[in-house]
Amino acid sequence: MDICIAIALTTTVLLHVPGSVTLDWQHSVEHFRIEEDWLATPGGLVLREVRTEGLGAGVHVPDDARRVGRQWRFTPAMAPQPRVVLANSRFAAGYRACWSGQCTRLSTLRGASDRPLVMQACDAGAE
């Protein structure tokens, strides 16, 4: 399974990533970095790990979170998600998707500027 990122409410796939992706962004209020590792499975998207450099406004870490350097690391207790909606607002620093040693800012994808995006598992041949 791969991961597809598309413009919400359309079938326009902007990015097709093999297997797994790391999303990162800067918290819009507290201004610290957050990273999430997602894996595509037949049951949906699995959030494997969250890494955050800070706490506050909507960011809570579970009791089993561990501190590694400047980051809190933990695996959220949540079921696979059929899709994840990304706000992709021009009023925040924006999301960056990284996979296989390369990264791209989602706001720079053609047609994505200031539009909600949807991330979901897709077949390897989907476009």
N, C-alpha and C. Protein backbone atom coordinates (compact mmCIF):
# COMPACT_ATOMS: atom_id res chain seq x y z
N MET A 1 0.84 -1.18 0.00
CA MET A 1 0.00 0.00 0.00
C MET A 1 0.88 1.24 0.00
N ASP A 2 0.42 2.26 -0.68
CA ASP A 2 1.10 3.53 -0.74
C ASP A 2 0.24 4.59 -0.05
N ILE A 3 0.75 5.81 0.01
CA ILE A 3 0.00 6.92 0.57
C ILE A 3 -0.22 7.94 -0.53
N CYS A 4 -1.47 8.38 -0.68
CA CYS A 4 -1.82 9.41 -1.64
C CYS A 4 -2.28 10.65 -0.89
N ILE A 5 -1.84 11.80 -1.35
CA ILE A 5 -2.30 13.08 -0.81
C ILE A 5 -3.01 13.79 -1.95
N ALA A 6 -4.27 14.16 -1.70
CA ALA A 6 -5.12 14.75 -2.73
C ALA A 6 -5.79 16.01 -2.20
N ILE A 7 -6.27 16.83 -3.12
CA ILE A 7 -7.07 17.99 -2.74
C ILE A 7 -8.40 17.46 -2.20
N ALA A 8 -8.82 17.96 -1.04
CA ALA A 8 -10.07 17.51 -0.43
C ALA A 8 -11.24 17.71 -1.37
N LEU A 9 -12.17 16.76 -1.32
CA LEU A 9 -13.41 16.78 -2.12
C LEU A 9 -13.18 16.67 -3.62
N THR A 10 -12.00 16.19 -4.02
CA THR A 10 -11.71 15.94 -5.43
C THR A 10 -11.02 14.59 -5.54
N THR A 11 -10.76 14.17 -6.75
CA THR A 11 -9.97 12.95 -6.98
C THR A 11 -8.58 13.29 -7.47
N THR A 12 -8.19 14.55 -7.37
CA THR A 12 -6.90 15.01 -7.86
C THR A 12 -5.78 14.65 -6.89
N VAL A 13 -5.01 13.60 -7.23
CA VAL A 13 -3.89 13.18 -6.40
C VAL A 13 -2.69 14.07 -6.74
N LEU A 14 -2.16 14.73 -5.71
CA LEU A 14 -1.02 15.63 -5.90
C LEU A 14 0.31 14.96 -5.59
N LEU A 15 0.26 13.96 -4.72
CA LEU A 15 1.48 13.31 -4.29
C LEU A 15 1.20 11.84 -4.00
N HIS A 16 2.05 10.98 -4.53
CA HIS A 16 1.92 9.53 -4.35
C HIS A 16 3.24 9.06 -3.73
N VAL A 17 3.16 8.54 -2.50
CA VAL A 17 4.35 8.18 -1.73
C VAL A 17 4.33 6.67 -1.47
N PRO A 18 5.43 5.97 -1.75
CA PRO A 18 5.46 4.53 -1.49
C PRO A 18 5.54 4.20 0.00
N GLY A 19 4.47 3.56 0.51
CA GLY A 19 4.48 2.94 1.84
C GLY A 19 4.35 3.78 3.08
N SER A 20 5.26 4.71 3.30
CA SER A 20 5.22 5.48 4.54
C SER A 20 5.69 6.91 4.29
N VAL A 21 5.29 7.80 5.20
CA VAL A 21 5.64 9.21 5.06
C VAL A 21 5.79 9.81 6.45
N THR A 22 6.68 10.79 6.55
CA THR A 22 6.78 11.60 7.76
C THR A 22 6.22 12.97 7.43
N LEU A 23 5.20 13.39 8.19
CA LEU A 23 4.68 14.74 8.07
C LEU A 23 5.32 15.57 9.16
N ASP A 24 5.76 16.76 8.84
CA ASP A 24 6.23 17.65 9.90
C ASP A 24 5.72 19.05 9.64
N TRP A 25 5.60 19.79 10.72
CA TRP A 25 5.12 21.17 10.65
C TRP A 25 5.49 21.88 11.93
N GLN A 26 5.32 23.19 11.92
CA GLN A 26 5.59 24.00 13.09
C GLN A 26 4.25 24.32 13.75
N HIS A 27 4.17 24.13 15.07
CA HIS A 27 2.96 24.44 15.81
C HIS A 27 2.63 25.91 15.59
N SER A 28 1.38 26.22 15.24
CA SER A 28 1.02 27.58 14.84
C SER A 28 1.04 28.59 15.99
N VAL A 29 0.91 28.14 17.22
CA VAL A 29 0.91 29.07 18.36
C VAL A 29 2.23 29.01 19.12
N GLU A 30 2.67 27.82 19.47
CA GLU A 30 3.86 27.64 20.30
C GLU A 30 5.16 27.66 19.49
N HIS A 31 5.08 27.46 18.18
CA HIS A 31 6.22 27.52 17.25
C HIS A 31 7.31 26.46 17.49
N PHE A 32 6.91 25.26 17.89
CA PHE A 32 7.87 24.16 17.96
C PHE A 32 7.52 23.14 16.88
N ARG A 33 8.47 22.30 16.52
CA ARG A 33 8.32 21.33 15.45
C ARG A 33 7.62 20.07 15.96
N ILE A 34 6.73 19.55 15.11
CA ILE A 34 6.03 18.29 15.37
C ILE A 34 6.26 17.40 14.14
N GLU A 35 6.55 16.12 14.37
CA GLU A 35 6.73 15.15 13.29
C GLU A 35 5.85 13.94 13.57
N GLU A 36 5.23 13.41 12.51
CA GLU A 36 4.42 12.19 12.62
C GLU A 36 4.84 11.22 11.53
N ASP A 37 5.06 9.96 11.91
CA ASP A 37 5.38 8.90 10.95
C ASP A 37 4.12 8.08 10.67
N TRP A 38 3.68 8.07 9.42
CA TRP A 38 2.47 7.35 8.99
C TRP A 38 2.84 6.20 8.08
N LEU A 39 2.13 5.08 8.22
CA LEU A 39 2.34 3.89 7.40
C LEU A 39 1.00 3.50 6.77
N ALA A 40 1.01 3.22 5.46
CA ALA A 40 -0.19 2.76 4.77
C ALA A 40 -0.34 1.25 4.95
N THR A 41 -1.53 0.82 5.36
CA THR A 41 -1.85 -0.60 5.51
C THR A 41 -3.20 -0.85 4.85
N PRO A 42 -3.56 -2.10 4.58
CA PRO A 42 -4.89 -2.37 4.01
C PRO A 42 -6.03 -1.86 4.90
N GLY A 43 -5.78 -1.73 6.22
CA GLY A 43 -6.80 -1.24 7.14
C GLY A 43 -6.86 0.27 7.27
N GLY A 44 -5.94 0.97 6.63
CA GLY A 44 -5.91 2.44 6.70
C GLY A 44 -4.52 2.94 7.07
N LEU A 45 -4.45 4.19 7.44
CA LEU A 45 -3.18 4.81 7.82
C LEU A 45 -2.92 4.59 9.31
N VAL A 46 -1.72 4.11 9.62
CA VAL A 46 -1.33 3.85 11.00
C VAL A 46 -0.31 4.91 11.41
N LEU A 47 -0.60 5.59 12.51
CA LEU A 47 0.33 6.57 13.06
C LEU A 47 1.32 5.82 13.96
N ARG A 48 2.55 5.64 13.45
CA ARG A 48 3.54 4.82 14.14
C ARG A 48 4.28 5.56 15.25
N GLU A 49 4.58 6.85 15.04
CA GLU A 49 5.29 7.60 16.07
C GLU A 49 5.04 9.09 15.89
N VAL A 50 5.00 9.79 17.03
CA VAL A 50 4.94 11.25 17.04
C VAL A 50 6.18 11.74 17.78
N ARG A 51 6.80 12.77 17.23
CA ARG A 51 7.93 13.42 17.89
C ARG A 51 7.60 14.91 17.99
N THR A 52 7.71 15.45 19.18
CA THR A 52 7.42 16.87 19.37
C THR A 52 8.50 17.50 20.23
N GLU A 53 8.88 18.71 19.87
CA GLU A 53 9.91 19.42 20.63
C GLU A 53 9.32 20.24 21.77
N GLY A 54 7.99 20.27 21.86
CA GLY A 54 7.38 21.06 22.93
C GLY A 54 6.01 20.56 23.29
N LEU A 55 5.44 21.17 24.31
CA LEU A 55 4.11 20.85 24.77
C LEU A 55 3.31 22.14 24.84
N GLY A 56 2.01 22.01 24.73
CA GLY A 56 1.14 23.18 24.85
C GLY A 56 0.01 23.10 23.86
N ALA A 57 -0.87 24.06 23.88
CA ALA A 57 -2.01 24.24 22.99
C ALA A 57 -2.31 23.05 22.07
N GLY A 58 -3.02 22.06 22.58
CA GLY A 58 -3.46 20.92 21.77
C GLY A 58 -2.45 19.80 21.63
N VAL A 59 -1.29 19.91 22.23
CA VAL A 59 -0.27 18.86 22.15
C VAL A 59 -0.09 18.26 23.54
N HIS A 60 -0.50 17.01 23.67
CA HIS A 60 -0.39 16.31 24.94
C HIS A 60 0.38 15.02 24.70
N VAL A 61 1.26 14.67 25.62
CA VAL A 61 2.00 13.42 25.49
C VAL A 61 1.49 12.42 26.52
N PRO A 62 1.41 11.15 26.14
CA PRO A 62 0.95 10.12 27.08
C PRO A 62 2.00 9.85 28.15
N ASP A 63 1.59 9.15 29.20
CA ASP A 63 2.49 8.83 30.31
C ASP A 63 3.69 8.01 29.87
N ASP A 64 3.55 7.20 28.80
CA ASP A 64 4.66 6.37 28.36
C ASP A 64 5.58 7.06 27.34
N ALA A 65 5.38 8.36 27.10
CA ALA A 65 6.26 9.10 26.19
C ALA A 65 7.68 9.11 26.76
N ARG A 66 8.65 9.12 25.87
CA ARG A 66 10.04 9.15 26.33
C ARG A 66 10.74 10.38 25.74
N ARG A 67 11.66 10.92 26.50
CA ARG A 67 12.41 12.09 26.07
C ARG A 67 13.69 11.61 25.41
N VAL A 68 13.93 12.02 24.16
CA VAL A 68 15.14 11.69 23.42
C VAL A 68 15.71 12.99 22.90
N GLY A 69 16.81 13.45 23.50
CA GLY A 69 17.36 14.74 23.13
C GLY A 69 16.35 15.85 23.43
N ARG A 70 15.99 16.64 22.43
CA ARG A 70 15.04 17.74 22.59
C ARG A 70 13.60 17.32 22.34
N GLN A 71 13.38 16.06 21.96
CA GLN A 71 12.04 15.63 21.55
C GLN A 71 11.38 14.68 22.56
N TRP A 72 10.06 14.81 22.64
CA TRP A 72 9.22 13.79 23.26
C TRP A 72 8.84 12.85 22.14
N ARG A 73 8.92 11.53 22.37
CA ARG A 73 8.55 10.52 21.37
C ARG A 73 7.52 9.58 21.97
N PHE A 74 6.50 9.26 21.17
CA PHE A 74 5.48 8.32 21.64
C PHE A 74 4.69 7.77 20.46
N THR A 75 4.00 6.67 20.72
CA THR A 75 3.11 6.05 19.74
C THR A 75 1.69 6.20 20.26
N PRO A 76 0.87 7.01 19.58
CA PRO A 76 -0.51 7.21 20.05
C PRO A 76 -1.31 5.91 20.00
N ALA A 77 -2.20 5.75 20.96
CA ALA A 77 -3.10 4.59 21.00
C ALA A 77 -4.33 4.95 20.18
N MET A 78 -4.24 4.76 18.88
CA MET A 78 -5.38 5.05 18.02
C MET A 78 -5.48 4.03 16.91
N ALA A 79 -6.69 3.79 16.47
CA ALA A 79 -6.95 2.81 15.40
C ALA A 79 -6.45 3.37 14.06
N PRO A 80 -6.23 2.49 13.08
CA PRO A 80 -5.89 2.96 11.74
C PRO A 80 -6.97 3.94 11.24
N GLN A 81 -6.53 4.96 10.56
CA GLN A 81 -7.43 6.00 10.07
C GLN A 81 -7.70 5.81 8.58
N PRO A 82 -8.97 5.90 8.15
CA PRO A 82 -9.26 5.77 6.72
C PRO A 82 -8.68 6.94 5.92
N ARG A 83 -8.62 8.11 6.56
CA ARG A 83 -8.05 9.30 5.91
C ARG A 83 -7.68 10.30 6.99
N VAL A 84 -6.77 11.20 6.64
CA VAL A 84 -6.36 12.27 7.54
C VAL A 84 -6.50 13.57 6.74
N VAL A 85 -7.26 14.51 7.28
CA VAL A 85 -7.46 15.80 6.62
C VAL A 85 -6.41 16.78 7.15
N LEU A 86 -5.72 17.43 6.22
CA LEU A 86 -4.67 18.40 6.55
C LEU A 86 -5.17 19.79 6.18
N ALA A 87 -5.19 20.72 7.12
CA ALA A 87 -5.74 22.06 6.88
C ALA A 87 -4.98 22.80 5.78
N ASN A 88 -3.66 22.71 5.76
CA ASN A 88 -2.84 23.32 4.71
C ASN A 88 -3.12 24.82 4.55
N SER A 89 -3.26 25.52 5.65
CA SER A 89 -3.59 26.95 5.64
C SER A 89 -2.37 27.82 5.38
N ARG A 90 -2.56 28.90 4.68
CA ARG A 90 -1.47 29.85 4.44
C ARG A 90 -1.13 30.63 5.71
N PHE A 91 -1.96 30.53 6.75
CA PHE A 91 -1.74 31.25 7.99
C PHE A 91 -0.82 30.50 8.95
N ALA A 92 -0.41 29.30 8.59
CA ALA A 92 0.53 28.52 9.39
C ALA A 92 1.75 28.19 8.53
N ALA A 93 2.79 27.65 9.17
CA ALA A 93 4.03 27.36 8.44
C ALA A 93 3.84 26.28 7.38
N GLY A 94 2.82 25.46 7.50
CA GLY A 94 2.54 24.45 6.48
C GLY A 94 3.21 23.12 6.74
N TYR A 95 2.67 22.11 6.08
CA TYR A 95 3.16 20.74 6.22
C TYR A 95 4.29 20.47 5.24
N ARG A 96 5.18 19.60 5.66
CA ARG A 96 6.21 19.07 4.79
C ARG A 96 6.09 17.56 4.86
N ALA A 97 6.13 16.90 3.70
CA ALA A 97 6.07 15.44 3.63
C ALA A 97 7.46 14.94 3.23
N CYS A 98 7.96 13.94 3.98
CA CYS A 98 9.28 13.37 3.69
C CYS A 98 9.16 11.85 3.55
N TRP A 99 9.87 11.31 2.57
CA TRP A 99 9.90 9.87 2.32
C TRP A 99 11.15 9.55 1.51
N SER A 100 11.72 8.40 1.72
CA SER A 100 12.87 7.90 0.95
C SER A 100 13.94 8.97 0.74
N GLY A 101 14.26 9.75 1.76
CA GLY A 101 15.34 10.73 1.66
C GLY A 101 14.99 12.02 0.94
N GLN A 102 13.73 12.23 0.59
CA GLN A 102 13.34 13.49 -0.06
C GLN A 102 12.16 14.11 0.66
N CYS A 103 12.02 15.41 0.55
CA CYS A 103 10.93 16.14 1.22
C CYS A 103 10.32 17.15 0.26
N THR A 104 9.04 17.46 0.49
CA THR A 104 8.38 18.51 -0.28
C THR A 104 7.38 19.22 0.62
N ARG A 105 7.26 20.52 0.45
CA ARG A 105 6.25 21.31 1.16
C ARG A 105 4.93 21.11 0.44
N LEU A 106 3.89 20.71 1.17
CA LEU A 106 2.61 20.44 0.54
C LEU A 106 1.99 21.69 -0.06
N SER A 107 2.27 22.85 0.51
CA SER A 107 1.71 24.10 -0.02
C SER A 107 2.25 24.44 -1.41
N THR A 108 3.37 23.84 -1.80
CA THR A 108 3.95 24.14 -3.11
C THR A 108 3.45 23.21 -4.22
N LEU A 109 2.67 22.20 -3.85
CA LEU A 109 2.12 21.30 -4.87
C LEU A 109 1.08 22.04 -5.69
N ARG A 110 1.08 21.81 -6.97
CA ARG A 110 0.18 22.51 -7.88
C ARG A 110 -1.29 22.37 -7.45
N GLY A 111 -1.95 23.49 -7.19
CA GLY A 111 -3.35 23.50 -6.80
C GLY A 111 -3.59 23.34 -5.32
N ALA A 112 -2.53 23.16 -4.51
CA ALA A 112 -2.72 22.87 -3.09
C ALA A 112 -2.73 24.10 -2.20
N SER A 113 -2.27 25.22 -2.70
CA SER A 113 -2.13 26.40 -1.86
C SER A 113 -3.44 26.79 -1.18
N ASP A 114 -3.40 26.80 0.15
CA ASP A 114 -4.53 27.23 0.98
C ASP A 114 -5.80 26.40 0.77
N ARG A 115 -5.62 25.13 0.42
CA ARG A 115 -6.76 24.22 0.26
C ARG A 115 -6.56 23.01 1.16
N PRO A 116 -7.63 22.54 1.80
CA PRO A 116 -7.50 21.32 2.61
C PRO A 116 -7.06 20.14 1.74
N LEU A 117 -6.23 19.30 2.32
CA LEU A 117 -5.75 18.11 1.63
C LEU A 117 -6.18 16.88 2.40
N VAL A 118 -6.27 15.74 1.70
CA VAL A 118 -6.63 14.48 2.32
C VAL A 118 -5.50 13.49 2.06
N MET A 119 -5.04 12.84 3.12
CA MET A 119 -4.03 11.80 3.01
C MET A 119 -4.72 10.48 3.30
N GLN A 120 -4.51 9.49 2.43
CA GLN A 120 -5.12 8.17 2.64
C GLN A 120 -4.28 7.09 1.97
N ALA A 121 -4.52 5.86 2.39
CA ALA A 121 -3.83 4.74 1.76
C ALA A 121 -4.40 4.56 0.35
N CYS A 122 -3.53 4.22 -0.58
CA CYS A 122 -3.96 3.99 -1.96
C CYS A 122 -3.17 2.81 -2.53
N ASP A 123 -3.66 2.25 -3.62
CA ASP A 123 -2.98 1.15 -4.27
C ASP A 123 -1.70 1.64 -4.91
N ALA A 124 -0.72 0.77 -5.04
CA ALA A 124 0.59 1.14 -5.60
C ALA A 124 0.47 1.75 -6.99
N GLY A 125 -0.52 1.38 -7.76
CA GLY A 125 -0.65 1.91 -9.12
C GLY A 125 -1.57 3.11 -9.23
N ALA A 126 -2.15 3.59 -8.12
CA ALA A 126 -3.12 4.71 -8.17
C ALA A 126 -2.44 6.01 -8.54
N GLU A 127 -3.13 6.84 -9.24
CA GLU A 127 -2.67 8.20 -9.59
C GLU A 127 -3.81 9.14 -9.58
